[in-house]
Amino acid sequence: MGRLKYGARGTTITIDDRLLAHVQAVTITRFRRNEPFQMHWSEPADEGSGRRAVWMTPTVELLWEFDGSREPDLDRELLEQMMQRAGSNSGLYIDHHAHAETPLHR
């Protein structure tokens, strides 16, 4: 499991390495276009449940931490879906379980 650390307070979002790589690609692409977006997720029960959301903008410090040393293959279809969601009014929802069964490397 990787981590995305957000902002000066270091809010930590724990995300599977493969999904985190997709979030990173979407974030970098949107930031290059100067397109901030909302990202939200649900906390697991062992972390208190509930929902959290952050405003992703190029002015906020982000630190991407991956547990694995190999870069996973990125799924073009998933990237396109995530880009569309990031551009929507509801923002990009990070579903921690959506791609759990997809292998990290092809």
N, C-alpha and C. Protein backbone atom coordinates (compact mmCIF):
# COMPACT_ATOMS: atom_id res chain seq x y z
N MET A 1 0.85 -1.18 0.00
CA MET A 1 0.00 0.00 0.00
C MET A 1 0.89 1.24 0.00
N GLY A 2 0.58 2.13 -0.92
CA GLY A 2 1.30 3.38 -0.98
C GLY A 2 0.57 4.47 -0.21
N ARG A 3 1.15 5.65 -0.22
CA ARG A 3 0.57 6.77 0.49
C ARG A 3 0.72 8.05 -0.33
N LEU A 4 -0.31 8.86 -0.27
CA LEU A 4 -0.26 10.20 -0.83
C LEU A 4 -0.34 11.15 0.35
N LYS A 5 0.68 11.95 0.52
CA LYS A 5 0.68 12.94 1.60
C LYS A 5 0.33 14.29 0.99
N TYR A 6 -0.68 14.90 1.58
CA TYR A 6 -1.30 16.10 1.02
C TYR A 6 -1.09 17.29 1.94
N GLY A 7 -0.52 18.36 1.40
CA GLY A 7 -0.45 19.63 2.11
C GLY A 7 0.57 19.68 3.23
N ALA A 8 0.68 20.87 3.80
CA ALA A 8 1.66 21.12 4.86
C ALA A 8 1.38 20.30 6.11
N ARG A 9 0.11 19.99 6.37
CA ARG A 9 -0.24 19.17 7.54
C ARG A 9 0.10 17.71 7.33
N GLY A 10 0.38 17.32 6.10
CA GLY A 10 0.75 15.94 5.81
C GLY A 10 -0.39 14.96 5.93
N THR A 11 -1.60 15.39 5.57
CA THR A 11 -2.72 14.46 5.56
C THR A 11 -2.33 13.26 4.71
N THR A 12 -2.45 12.06 5.26
CA THR A 12 -2.02 10.86 4.55
C THR A 12 -3.22 10.06 4.05
N ILE A 13 -3.18 9.74 2.77
CA ILE A 13 -4.20 8.93 2.13
C ILE A 13 -3.53 7.62 1.73
N THR A 14 -3.98 6.51 2.28
CA THR A 14 -3.40 5.21 1.97
C THR A 14 -4.12 4.62 0.77
N ILE A 15 -3.34 4.29 -0.27
CA ILE A 15 -3.91 3.79 -1.53
C ILE A 15 -3.01 2.67 -2.06
N ASP A 16 -3.61 1.62 -2.60
CA ASP A 16 -2.87 0.56 -3.26
C ASP A 16 -1.91 1.17 -4.29
N ASP A 17 -0.69 0.65 -4.38
CA ASP A 17 0.33 1.20 -5.28
C ASP A 17 -0.17 1.37 -6.72
N ARG A 18 -0.89 0.37 -7.22
CA ARG A 18 -1.36 0.44 -8.61
C ARG A 18 -2.35 1.59 -8.79
N LEU A 19 -3.31 1.68 -7.88
CA LEU A 19 -4.29 2.76 -7.96
C LEU A 19 -3.62 4.11 -7.72
N LEU A 20 -2.66 4.16 -6.82
CA LEU A 20 -1.93 5.40 -6.54
C LEU A 20 -1.19 5.88 -7.79
N ALA A 21 -0.62 4.95 -8.56
CA ALA A 21 0.06 5.33 -9.80
C ALA A 21 -0.92 5.97 -10.79
N HIS A 22 -2.14 5.47 -10.83
CA HIS A 22 -3.17 6.07 -11.69
C HIS A 22 -3.57 7.45 -11.18
N VAL A 23 -3.75 7.58 -9.88
CA VAL A 23 -4.09 8.88 -9.29
C VAL A 23 -2.97 9.89 -9.59
N GLN A 24 -1.73 9.45 -9.48
CA GLN A 24 -0.60 10.32 -9.77
C GLN A 24 -0.63 10.80 -11.23
N ALA A 25 -0.86 9.88 -12.15
CA ALA A 25 -0.89 10.23 -13.57
C ALA A 25 -2.02 11.23 -13.87
N VAL A 26 -3.19 11.00 -13.29
CA VAL A 26 -4.32 11.91 -13.48
C VAL A 26 -3.99 13.29 -12.89
N THR A 27 -3.45 13.30 -11.70
CA THR A 27 -3.13 14.55 -11.02
C THR A 27 -2.10 15.35 -11.82
N ILE A 28 -1.03 14.72 -12.24
CA ILE A 28 0.02 15.41 -13.00
C ILE A 28 -0.54 15.96 -14.31
N THR A 29 -1.34 15.16 -14.99
CA THR A 29 -1.94 15.62 -16.25
C THR A 29 -2.82 16.84 -16.03
N ARG A 30 -3.66 16.79 -15.03
CA ARG A 30 -4.56 17.92 -14.75
C ARG A 30 -3.77 19.15 -14.31
N PHE A 31 -2.76 18.96 -13.50
CA PHE A 31 -1.96 20.10 -13.05
C PHE A 31 -1.21 20.75 -14.21
N ARG A 32 -0.72 19.95 -15.14
CA ARG A 32 -0.05 20.52 -16.31
C ARG A 32 -0.99 21.41 -17.11
N ARG A 33 -2.27 21.09 -17.06
CA ARG A 33 -3.30 21.87 -17.76
C ARG A 33 -3.86 22.98 -16.87
N ASN A 34 -3.33 23.09 -15.67
CA ASN A 34 -3.81 24.06 -14.68
C ASN A 34 -5.30 23.84 -14.38
N GLU A 35 -5.66 22.56 -14.15
CA GLU A 35 -7.03 22.17 -13.87
C GLU A 35 -7.13 21.53 -12.48
N PRO A 36 -7.37 22.32 -11.46
CA PRO A 36 -7.56 21.74 -10.13
C PRO A 36 -8.84 20.91 -10.10
N PHE A 37 -8.96 20.04 -9.09
CA PHE A 37 -10.13 19.18 -8.99
C PHE A 37 -10.29 18.71 -7.55
N GLN A 38 -11.50 18.23 -7.26
CA GLN A 38 -11.77 17.63 -5.95
C GLN A 38 -11.49 16.13 -6.02
N MET A 39 -10.86 15.62 -4.98
CA MET A 39 -10.66 14.18 -4.85
C MET A 39 -11.26 13.77 -3.51
N HIS A 40 -12.02 12.68 -3.50
CA HIS A 40 -12.63 12.22 -2.26
C HIS A 40 -12.58 10.71 -2.17
N TRP A 41 -12.70 10.22 -0.95
CA TRP A 41 -12.61 8.79 -0.67
C TRP A 41 -13.31 8.49 0.64
N SER A 42 -13.56 7.22 0.89
CA SER A 42 -14.14 6.76 2.15
C SER A 42 -13.03 6.14 2.98
N GLU A 43 -13.06 6.43 4.26
CA GLU A 43 -12.07 5.87 5.18
C GLU A 43 -12.50 4.47 5.58
N PRO A 44 -11.56 3.54 5.71
CA PRO A 44 -11.91 2.20 6.19
C PRO A 44 -12.35 2.25 7.65
N ALA A 45 -13.10 1.24 8.06
CA ALA A 45 -13.65 1.19 9.43
C ALA A 45 -12.56 1.29 10.49
N ASP A 46 -11.40 0.66 10.24
CA ASP A 46 -10.33 0.68 11.24
C ASP A 46 -9.68 2.06 11.36
N GLU A 47 -10.03 2.99 10.46
CA GLU A 47 -9.51 4.36 10.54
C GLU A 47 -10.63 5.36 10.84
N GLY A 48 -11.75 4.86 11.33
CA GLY A 48 -12.82 5.74 11.76
C GLY A 48 -13.97 5.91 10.80
N SER A 49 -13.96 5.25 9.66
CA SER A 49 -15.00 5.37 8.65
C SER A 49 -15.16 6.82 8.19
N GLY A 50 -16.28 7.12 7.58
CA GLY A 50 -16.54 8.48 7.11
C GLY A 50 -15.93 8.75 5.75
N ARG A 51 -16.16 9.98 5.28
CA ARG A 51 -15.64 10.41 3.98
C ARG A 51 -14.69 11.58 4.18
N ARG A 52 -13.75 11.71 3.27
CA ARG A 52 -12.83 12.85 3.26
C ARG A 52 -12.72 13.36 1.84
N ALA A 53 -12.42 14.63 1.72
CA ALA A 53 -12.22 15.24 0.40
C ALA A 53 -11.13 16.29 0.50
N VAL A 54 -10.39 16.44 -0.58
CA VAL A 54 -9.36 17.48 -0.66
C VAL A 54 -9.49 18.18 -2.00
N TRP A 55 -9.06 19.43 -2.03
CA TRP A 55 -9.02 20.19 -3.27
C TRP A 55 -7.61 20.05 -3.82
N MET A 56 -7.50 19.38 -4.96
CA MET A 56 -6.20 19.12 -5.58
C MET A 56 -5.86 20.28 -6.50
N THR A 57 -4.81 20.98 -6.17
CA THR A 57 -4.37 22.14 -6.94
C THR A 57 -2.85 22.15 -6.98
N PRO A 58 -2.26 22.69 -8.03
CA PRO A 58 -0.80 22.69 -8.14
C PRO A 58 -0.07 23.43 -7.01
N THR A 59 -0.78 24.26 -6.27
CA THR A 59 -0.13 25.02 -5.20
C THR A 59 0.01 24.25 -3.90
N VAL A 60 -0.60 23.06 -3.82
CA VAL A 60 -0.54 22.24 -2.61
C VAL A 60 0.59 21.22 -2.76
N GLU A 61 1.37 21.08 -1.70
CA GLU A 61 2.47 20.12 -1.72
C GLU A 61 1.92 18.69 -1.65
N LEU A 62 2.41 17.83 -2.54
CA LEU A 62 2.03 16.43 -2.57
C LEU A 62 3.28 15.56 -2.53
N LEU A 63 3.22 14.47 -1.79
CA LEU A 63 4.30 13.51 -1.74
C LEU A 63 3.71 12.14 -2.04
N TRP A 64 4.24 11.50 -3.06
CA TRP A 64 3.78 10.19 -3.49
C TRP A 64 4.76 9.16 -2.94
N GLU A 65 4.28 8.22 -2.12
CA GLU A 65 5.13 7.17 -1.56
C GLU A 65 4.58 5.82 -2.00
N PHE A 66 5.42 5.05 -2.69
CA PHE A 66 5.04 3.72 -3.16
C PHE A 66 5.81 2.69 -2.38
N ASP A 67 5.14 1.64 -1.95
CA ASP A 67 5.83 0.56 -1.24
C ASP A 67 6.66 -0.29 -2.20
N GLY A 68 6.13 -0.54 -3.38
CA GLY A 68 6.83 -1.36 -4.36
C GLY A 68 7.88 -0.57 -5.11
N SER A 69 8.91 -1.27 -5.59
CA SER A 69 9.98 -0.59 -6.32
C SER A 69 9.74 -0.56 -7.82
N ARG A 70 8.78 -1.37 -8.30
CA ARG A 70 8.49 -1.43 -9.74
C ARG A 70 7.26 -0.61 -10.06
N GLU A 71 7.31 0.10 -11.19
CA GLU A 71 6.15 0.87 -11.62
C GLU A 71 5.12 -0.06 -12.24
N PRO A 72 3.87 0.02 -11.77
CA PRO A 72 2.83 -0.83 -12.37
C PRO A 72 2.45 -0.31 -13.75
N ASP A 73 1.96 -1.21 -14.59
CA ASP A 73 1.42 -0.81 -15.89
C ASP A 73 0.17 0.02 -15.65
N LEU A 74 0.01 1.08 -16.42
CA LEU A 74 -1.18 1.91 -16.30
C LEU A 74 -2.23 1.45 -17.31
N ASP A 75 -3.46 1.41 -16.86
CA ASP A 75 -4.59 1.01 -17.68
C ASP A 75 -5.19 2.26 -18.32
N ARG A 76 -5.08 2.35 -19.65
CA ARG A 76 -5.53 3.54 -20.37
C ARG A 76 -7.01 3.81 -20.16
N GLU A 77 -7.83 2.76 -20.17
CA GLU A 77 -9.28 2.93 -19.97
C GLU A 77 -9.57 3.49 -18.58
N LEU A 78 -8.89 2.95 -17.58
CA LEU A 78 -9.07 3.45 -16.21
C LEU A 78 -8.63 4.91 -16.11
N LEU A 79 -7.51 5.25 -16.74
CA LEU A 79 -7.04 6.64 -16.72
C LEU A 79 -8.08 7.58 -17.34
N GLU A 80 -8.65 7.17 -18.45
CA GLU A 80 -9.67 8.00 -19.11
C GLU A 80 -10.89 8.20 -18.22
N GLN A 81 -11.33 7.11 -17.57
CA GLN A 81 -12.47 7.21 -16.65
C GLN A 81 -12.15 8.16 -15.49
N MET A 82 -10.96 8.02 -14.94
CA MET A 82 -10.57 8.86 -13.81
C MET A 82 -10.45 10.32 -14.23
N MET A 83 -9.93 10.57 -15.43
CA MET A 83 -9.82 11.95 -15.93
C MET A 83 -11.21 12.57 -16.08
N GLN A 84 -12.17 11.80 -16.60
CA GLN A 84 -13.54 12.31 -16.75
C GLN A 84 -14.14 12.63 -15.39
N ARG A 85 -13.95 11.73 -14.43
CA ARG A 85 -14.51 11.96 -13.09
C ARG A 85 -13.87 13.16 -12.43
N ALA A 86 -12.57 13.32 -12.61
CA ALA A 86 -11.88 14.47 -12.01
C ALA A 86 -12.43 15.78 -12.56
N GLY A 87 -12.87 15.77 -13.81
CA GLY A 87 -13.41 16.97 -14.43
C GLY A 87 -14.89 17.20 -14.15
N SER A 88 -15.52 16.28 -13.46
CA SER A 88 -16.95 16.41 -13.18
C SER A 88 -17.20 17.23 -11.91
N ASN A 89 -18.46 17.62 -11.70
CA ASN A 89 -18.82 18.38 -10.50
C ASN A 89 -18.58 17.60 -9.22
N SER A 90 -18.73 16.29 -9.27
CA SER A 90 -18.54 15.49 -8.06
C SER A 90 -17.07 15.17 -7.79
N GLY A 91 -16.21 15.31 -8.77
CA GLY A 91 -14.79 15.09 -8.58
C GLY A 91 -14.39 13.63 -8.69
N LEU A 92 -13.14 13.37 -8.41
CA LEU A 92 -12.56 12.03 -8.53
C LEU A 92 -12.74 11.27 -7.23
N TYR A 93 -13.52 10.19 -7.28
CA TYR A 93 -13.70 9.33 -6.11
C TYR A 93 -12.69 8.20 -6.18
N ILE A 94 -11.92 8.03 -5.13
CA ILE A 94 -10.94 6.96 -5.05
C ILE A 94 -11.59 5.77 -4.37
N ASP A 95 -11.82 4.72 -5.16
CA ASP A 95 -12.43 3.51 -4.64
C ASP A 95 -11.31 2.51 -4.36
N HIS A 96 -11.00 2.31 -3.11
CA HIS A 96 -9.88 1.46 -2.71
C HIS A 96 -10.05 0.01 -3.14
N HIS A 97 -11.26 -0.43 -3.42
CA HIS A 97 -11.49 -1.84 -3.72
C HIS A 97 -11.81 -2.09 -5.20
N ALA A 98 -11.93 -1.06 -5.98
CA ALA A 98 -12.39 -1.22 -7.36
C ALA A 98 -11.45 -2.07 -8.21
N HIS A 99 -10.15 -1.99 -7.95
CA HIS A 99 -9.20 -2.66 -8.83
C HIS A 99 -8.26 -3.57 -8.04
N ALA A 100 -8.73 -4.05 -6.92
CA ALA A 100 -7.88 -4.87 -6.04
C ALA A 100 -7.47 -6.18 -6.69
N GLU A 101 -8.30 -6.73 -7.58
CA GLU A 101 -7.98 -8.02 -8.16
C GLU A 101 -7.17 -7.91 -9.45
N THR A 102 -6.93 -6.70 -9.94
CA THR A 102 -6.15 -6.52 -11.15
C THR A 102 -4.68 -6.69 -10.82
N PRO A 103 -3.95 -7.48 -11.59
CA PRO A 103 -2.53 -7.68 -11.27
C PRO A 103 -1.73 -6.40 -11.41
N LEU A 104 -0.69 -6.28 -10.60
CA LEU A 104 0.15 -5.09 -10.65
C LEU A 104 0.95 -5.01 -11.93
N HIS A 105 1.40 -6.14 -12.44
CA HIS A 105 2.25 -6.14 -13.64
C HIS A 105 1.71 -7.15 -14.64
N ARG A 106 1.76 -6.79 -15.89
CA ARG A 106 1.31 -7.70 -16.95
C ARG A 106 2.49 -8.38 -17.57
